Amino acid sequence: MRRCDISLELDCPPERFWQLYFDADFNRETFVDALGWEPPTILEFRSDEREIVRNLSARPRLDIPGKVAKLIGEQLGYREWGRFDRGRSEFVFRHRTNIFGERMKMSGRSSGEPLGEARMRWRTKIDIECSILGVGRLLERTVEQNIEKSYPVCARYWNRWLAAHPNAKSAS
């Protein structure tokens, strides 16, 4: 099992971050413009005073070595099941890939810590576990490396977007 512990600073308070994080247009822009992925498909979205539930499917564009590329091919996608607890201000999620099913498990949690009035620390912890004999560790390491590359790309994109749209409540 591999564990990613990512901590990045964003130029907004946590309330604004979560508002944008769950905005469908902003989410799509992040996937397409920042990461160069296909647009995600929102499979379920519901919100009430206690929580936000967002489930989506996505097809990432990955930087993968030869052995792993042969295993995965161009077909890799994942499904995310996520739940944001408004009281705790924490997003808990799990992913399952379309290729490896339950043999490749990822789960994590994200939170935002205020850094003064206009900044925050975005913290995400992700566990990656692959039970495929012979290549599990290689796949875990590859996923870890791609996560550690993509999160800073998102943070830089968001900070540029926030600077260009200082008063926008959402991307639309």
C-alpha atoms as a PDB file:
ATOM      1  CA  MET A   1       0.000   0.000   0.000  1.00  0.00           C
ATOM      2  CA  ARG A   2       1.132   3.536  -0.812  1.00  0.00           C
ATOM      3  CA  ARG A   3      -0.018   6.704   0.880  1.00  0.00           C
ATOM      4  CA  CYS A   4      -0.014  10.202  -0.587  1.00  0.00           C
ATOM      5  CA  ASP A   5      -0.138  13.146   1.794  1.00  0.00           C
ATOM      6  CA  ILE A   6      -0.479  16.314  -0.247  1.00  0.00           C
ATOM      7  CA  SER A   7      -0.515  19.810   1.210  1.00  0.00           C
ATOM      8  CA  LEU A   8      -0.916  22.839  -1.075  1.00  0.00           C
ATOM      9  CA  GLU A   9      -1.711  26.495  -0.502  1.00  0.00           C
ATOM     10  CA  LEU A  10      -4.587  28.167  -2.316  1.00  0.00           C
ATOM     11  CA  ASP A  11      -5.425  31.852  -2.610  1.00  0.00           C
ATOM     12  CA  CYS A  12      -8.928  31.696  -1.145  1.00  0.00           C
ATOM     13  CA  PRO A  13     -10.645  30.762   2.113  1.00  0.00           C
ATOM     14  CA  PRO A  14     -11.980  27.203   2.509  1.00  0.00           C
ATOM     15  CA  GLU A  15     -15.616  28.275   2.018  1.00  0.00           C
ATOM     16  CA  ARG A  16     -14.878  29.656  -1.437  1.00  0.00           C
ATOM     17  CA  PHE A  17     -12.737  26.666  -2.340  1.00  0.00           C
ATOM     18  CA  TRP A  18     -15.488  24.161  -1.539  1.00  0.00           C
ATOM     19  CA  GLN A  19     -18.030  26.251  -3.428  1.00  0.00           C
ATOM     20  CA  LEU A  20     -15.818  26.104  -6.524  1.00  0.00           C
ATOM     21  CA  TYR A  21     -14.793  22.485  -5.972  1.00  0.00           C
ATOM     22  CA  PHE A  22     -18.404  21.375  -6.300  1.00  0.00           C
ATOM     23  CA  ASP A  23     -19.269  23.737  -9.161  1.00  0.00           C
ATOM     24  CA  ALA A  24     -19.778  21.553 -12.261  1.00  0.00           C
ATOM     25  CA  ASP A  25     -18.364  24.142 -14.699  1.00  0.00           C
ATOM     26  CA  PHE A  26     -15.280  24.839 -12.590  1.00  0.00           C
ATOM     27  CA  ASN A  27     -14.736  21.104 -12.112  1.00  0.00           C
ATOM     28  CA  ARG A  28     -14.956  20.502 -15.860  1.00  0.00           C
ATOM     29  CA  GLU A  29     -12.542  23.388 -16.561  1.00  0.00           C
ATOM     30  CA  THR A  30     -10.052  21.929 -14.080  1.00  0.00           C
ATOM     31  CA  PHE A  31     -10.166  18.486 -15.695  1.00  0.00           C
ATOM     32  CA  VAL A  32      -9.981  19.784 -19.268  1.00  0.00           C
ATOM     33  CA  ASP A  33      -7.932  22.999 -19.094  1.00  0.00           C
ATOM     34  CA  ALA A  34      -5.585  22.251 -16.197  1.00  0.00           C
ATOM     35  CA  LEU A  35      -5.093  18.495 -16.459  1.00  0.00           C
ATOM     36  CA  GLY A  36      -5.750  17.915 -20.166  1.00  0.00           C
ATOM     37  CA  TRP A  37      -8.232  15.127 -19.387  1.00  0.00           C
ATOM     38  CA  GLU A  38     -11.597  14.426 -20.945  1.00  0.00           C
ATOM     39  CA  PRO A  39     -14.488  16.196 -19.186  1.00  0.00           C
ATOM     40  CA  PRO A  40     -15.747  14.258 -16.173  1.00  0.00           C
ATOM     41  CA  THR A  41     -19.274  12.896 -16.097  1.00  0.00           C
ATOM     42  CA  ILE A  42     -21.244  13.761 -12.977  1.00  0.00           C
ATOM     43  CA  LEU A  43     -23.238  10.635 -12.181  1.00  0.00           C
ATOM     44  CA  GLU A  44     -24.927  11.911  -9.038  1.00  0.00           C
ATOM     45  CA  PHE A  45     -25.052  15.241  -7.252  1.00  0.00           C
ATOM     46  CA  ARG A  46     -27.169  16.100  -4.278  1.00  0.00           C
ATOM     47  CA  SER A  47     -26.829  18.613  -1.532  1.00  0.00           C
ATOM     48  CA  ASP A  48     -28.564  19.371   1.745  1.00  0.00           C
ATOM     49  CA  GLU A  49     -27.700  21.234   4.947  1.00  0.00           C
ATOM     50  CA  ARG A  50     -25.517  18.344   6.216  1.00  0.00           C
ATOM     51  CA  GLU A  51     -23.656  17.113   3.163  1.00  0.00           C
ATOM     52  CA  ILE A  52     -22.899  17.162  -0.523  1.00  0.00           C
ATOM     53  CA  VAL A  53     -22.761  13.878  -2.402  1.00  0.00           C
ATOM     54  CA  ARG A  54     -20.939  13.899  -5.725  1.00  0.00           C
ATOM     55  CA  ASN A  55     -20.194  10.789  -7.737  1.00  0.00           C
ATOM     56  CA  LEU A  56     -18.409  11.079 -11.051  1.00  0.00           C
ATOM     57  CA  SER A  57     -16.528   9.155 -13.680  1.00  0.00           C
ATOM     58  CA  ALA A  58     -13.352  10.349 -15.354  1.00  0.00           C
ATOM     59  CA  ARG A  59     -10.689   9.274 -17.813  1.00  0.00           C
ATOM     60  CA  PRO A  60      -7.312  10.628 -16.752  1.00  0.00           C
ATOM     61  CA  ARG A  61      -4.383  11.278 -19.016  1.00  0.00           C
ATOM     62  CA  LEU A  62      -1.497   9.588 -17.268  1.00  0.00           C
ATOM     63  CA  ASP A  63       2.260   9.646 -17.465  1.00  0.00           C
ATOM     64  CA  ILE A  64       3.006   5.918 -17.301  1.00  0.00           C
ATOM     65  CA  PRO A  65       6.074   3.752 -17.921  1.00  0.00           C
ATOM     66  CA  GLY A  66       6.180   0.996 -20.567  1.00  0.00           C
ATOM     67  CA  LYS A  67       5.182  -2.014 -18.425  1.00  0.00           C
ATOM     68  CA  VAL A  68       2.268  -0.224 -16.836  1.00  0.00           C
ATOM     69  CA  ALA A  69       1.188   1.294 -20.166  1.00  0.00           C
ATOM     70  CA  LYS A  70       0.880  -2.215 -21.615  1.00  0.00           C
ATOM     71  CA  LEU A  71      -1.296  -3.293 -18.681  1.00  0.00           C
ATOM     72  CA  ILE A  72      -3.556  -0.253 -18.792  1.00  0.00           C
ATOM     73  CA  GLY A  73      -3.622   0.782 -22.422  1.00  0.00           C
ATOM     74  CA  GLU A  74      -5.722   3.795 -23.375  1.00  0.00           C
ATOM     75  CA  GLN A  75      -8.838   2.571 -21.622  1.00  0.00           C
ATOM     76  CA  LEU A  76      -8.207   3.584 -18.011  1.00  0.00           C
ATOM     77  CA  GLY A  77     -11.013   5.382 -16.272  1.00  0.00           C
ATOM     78  CA  TYR A  78     -12.244   5.599 -12.733  1.00  0.00           C
ATOM     79  CA  ARG A  79     -15.382   6.199 -10.787  1.00  0.00           C
ATOM     80  CA  GLU A  80     -15.360   8.395  -7.712  1.00  0.00           C
ATOM     81  CA  TRP A  81     -17.851   8.199  -4.882  1.00  0.00           C
ATOM     82  CA  GLY A  82     -17.534  11.290  -2.701  1.00  0.00           C
ATOM     83  CA  ARG A  83     -19.250  12.798   0.290  1.00  0.00           C
ATOM     84  CA  PHE A  84     -18.564  16.261   1.731  1.00  0.00           C
ATOM     85  CA  ASP A  85     -19.462  16.668   5.401  1.00  0.00           C
ATOM     86  CA  ARG A  86     -20.405  20.330   5.839  1.00  0.00           C
ATOM     87  CA  GLY A  87     -19.982  20.230   9.633  1.00  0.00           C
ATOM     88  CA  ARG A  88     -16.447  18.848   9.448  1.00  0.00           C
ATOM     89  CA  SER A  89     -15.616  20.619   6.166  1.00  0.00           C
ATOM     90  CA  GLU A  90     -14.142  17.379   4.878  1.00  0.00           C
ATOM     91  CA  PHE A  91     -14.519  15.503   1.592  1.00  0.00           C
ATOM     92  CA  VAL A  92     -14.200  11.716   1.860  1.00  0.00           C
ATOM     93  CA  PHE A  93     -13.917   9.710  -1.353  1.00  0.00           C
ATOM     94  CA  ARG A  94     -13.095   6.361  -2.869  1.00  0.00           C
ATOM     95  CA  HIS A  95     -12.141   5.412  -6.420  1.00  0.00           C
ATOM     96  CA  ARG A  96     -12.466   2.232  -8.424  1.00  0.00           C
ATOM     97  CA  THR A  97     -10.863   1.818 -11.832  1.00  0.00           C
ATOM     98  CA  ASN A  98     -12.758   0.360 -14.750  1.00  0.00           C
ATOM     99  CA  ILE A  99      -9.910  -2.041 -15.553  1.00  0.00           C
ATOM    100  CA  PHE A 100      -8.874  -3.475 -12.197  1.00  0.00           C
ATOM    101  CA  GLY A 101     -12.132  -3.222 -10.237  1.00  0.00           C
ATOM    102  CA  GLU A 102     -11.731  -4.108  -6.565  1.00  0.00           C
ATOM    103  CA  ARG A 103      -8.127  -5.199  -7.079  1.00  0.00           C
ATOM    104  CA  MET A 104      -7.094  -1.516  -7.232  1.00  0.00           C
ATOM    105  CA  LYS A 105      -8.482   0.535  -4.360  1.00  0.00           C
ATOM    106  CA  MET A 106      -8.000   4.196  -3.658  1.00  0.00           C
ATOM    107  CA  SER A 107      -9.595   6.136  -0.858  1.00  0.00           C
ATOM    108  CA  GLY A 108      -8.924   9.437   0.783  1.00  0.00           C
ATOM    109  CA  ARG A 109     -10.023  12.612   2.421  1.00  0.00           C
ATOM    110  CA  SER A 110      -9.528  16.293   1.680  1.00  0.00           C
ATOM    111  CA  SER A 111      -9.867  19.260   3.985  1.00  0.00           C
ATOM    112  CA  GLY A 112      -9.120  22.963   3.981  1.00  0.00           C
ATOM    113  CA  GLU A 113      -7.351  24.819   6.765  1.00  0.00           C
ATOM    114  CA  PRO A 114      -7.624  28.635   6.828  1.00  0.00           C
ATOM    115  CA  LEU A 115      -4.366  30.581   6.554  1.00  0.00           C
ATOM    116  CA  GLY A 116      -5.582  34.038   7.452  1.00  0.00           C
ATOM    117  CA  GLU A 117      -8.647  35.517   5.760  1.00  0.00           C
ATOM    118  CA  ALA A 118      -7.824  34.957   2.091  1.00  0.00           C
ATOM    119  CA  ARG A 119      -5.708  31.801   1.924  1.00  0.00           C
ATOM    120  CA  MET A 120      -5.948  28.161   2.880  1.00  0.00           C
ATOM    121  CA  ARG A 121      -3.998  24.928   3.027  1.00  0.00           C
ATOM    122  CA  TRP A 122      -5.644  22.190   0.968  1.00  0.00           C
ATOM    123  CA  ARG A 123      -4.716  18.844   2.486  1.00  0.00           C
ATOM    124  CA  THR A 124      -5.446  15.504   0.841  1.00  0.00           C
ATOM    125  CA  LYS A 125      -4.497  12.062   2.086  1.00  0.00           C
ATOM    126  CA  ILE A 126      -4.942   9.132  -0.294  1.00  0.00           C
ATOM    127  CA  ASP A 127      -4.340   5.420   0.265  1.00  0.00           C
ATOM    128  CA  ILE A 128      -3.571   3.322  -2.815  1.00  0.00           C
ATOM    129  CA  GLU A 129      -3.750  -0.453  -2.653  1.00  0.00           C
ATOM    130  CA  CYS A 130      -3.361  -2.874  -5.547  1.00  0.00           C
ATOM    131  CA  SER A 131      -3.657  -6.630  -5.065  1.00  0.00           C
ATOM    132  CA  ILE A 132      -2.548  -7.764  -8.525  1.00  0.00           C
ATOM    133  CA  LEU A 133       0.190 -10.332  -8.130  1.00  0.00           C
ATOM    134  CA  GLY A 134       3.501  -9.337  -9.663  1.00  0.00           C
ATOM    135  CA  VAL A 135       2.595  -5.776 -10.650  1.00  0.00           C
ATOM    136  CA  GLY A 136       0.684  -4.399  -7.662  1.00  0.00           C
ATOM    137  CA  ARG A 137       3.571  -2.373  -6.266  1.00  0.00           C
ATOM    138  CA  LEU A 138       4.450  -0.998  -9.684  1.00  0.00           C
ATOM    139  CA  LEU A 139       0.846   0.107 -10.266  1.00  0.00           C
ATOM    140  CA  GLU A 140       0.620   1.658  -6.785  1.00  0.00           C
ATOM    141  CA  ARG A 141       3.833   3.625  -7.359  1.00  0.00           C
ATOM    142  CA  THR A 142       2.644   4.785 -10.792  1.00  0.00           C
ATOM    143  CA  VAL A 143      -0.681   5.999  -9.370  1.00  0.00           C
ATOM    144  CA  GLU A 144       1.138   7.740  -6.511  1.00  0.00           C
ATOM    145  CA  GLN A 145       3.476   9.541  -8.924  1.00  0.00           C
ATOM    146  CA  ASN A 146       0.578  10.688 -11.105  1.00  0.00           C
ATOM    147  CA  ILE A 147      -1.349  11.977  -8.088  1.00  0.00           C
ATOM    148  CA  GLU A 148       1.700  13.857  -6.834  1.00  0.00           C
ATOM    149  CA  LYS A 149       2.042  15.500 -10.264  1.00  0.00           C
ATOM    150  CA  SER A 150      -1.629  16.339 -10.848  1.00  0.00           C
ATOM    151  CA  TYR A 151      -2.552  17.976  -7.523  1.00  0.00           C
ATOM    152  CA  PRO A 152       0.036  20.808  -7.825  1.00  0.00           C
ATOM    153  CA  VAL A 153      -1.114  21.356 -11.437  1.00  0.00           C
ATOM    154  CA  CYS A 154      -4.660  21.847 -10.114  1.00  0.00           C
ATOM    155  CA  ALA A 155      -3.479  24.189  -7.350  1.00  0.00           C
ATOM    156  CA  ARG A 156      -1.554  26.386  -9.811  1.00  0.00           C
ATOM    157  CA  TYR A 157      -4.553  26.486 -12.167  1.00  0.00           C
ATOM    158  CA  TRP A 158      -6.932  27.360  -9.320  1.00  0.00           C
ATOM    159  CA  ASN A 159      -4.659  30.117  -8.016  1.00  0.00           C
ATOM    160  CA  ARG A 160      -4.406  31.646 -11.519  1.00  0.00           C
ATOM    161  CA  TRP A 161      -8.199  31.369 -11.906  1.00  0.00           C
ATOM    162  CA  LEU A 162      -8.788  32.918  -8.466  1.00  0.00           C
ATOM    163  CA  ALA A 163      -6.478  35.844  -9.295  1.00  0.00           C
ATOM    164  CA  ALA A 164      -8.324  36.437 -12.584  1.00  0.00           C
ATOM    165  CA  HIS A 165     -11.788  36.132 -10.940  1.00  0.00           C
ATOM    166  CA  PRO A 166     -11.426  37.692  -7.463  1.00  0.00           C
ATOM    167  CA  ASN A 167     -15.162  38.114  -6.858  1.00  0.00           C
ATOM    168  CA  ALA A 168     -16.655  35.156  -8.722  1.00  0.00           C
ATOM    169  CA  LYS A 169     -18.638  32.760  -6.554  1.00  0.00           C
ATOM    170  CA  SER A 170     -18.585  30.042  -9.210  1.00  0.00           C
ATOM    171  CA  ALA A 171     -17.205  29.377 -12.665  1.00  0.00           C
ATOM    172  CA  SER A 172     -20.527  30.000 -14.418  1.00  0.00           C
END
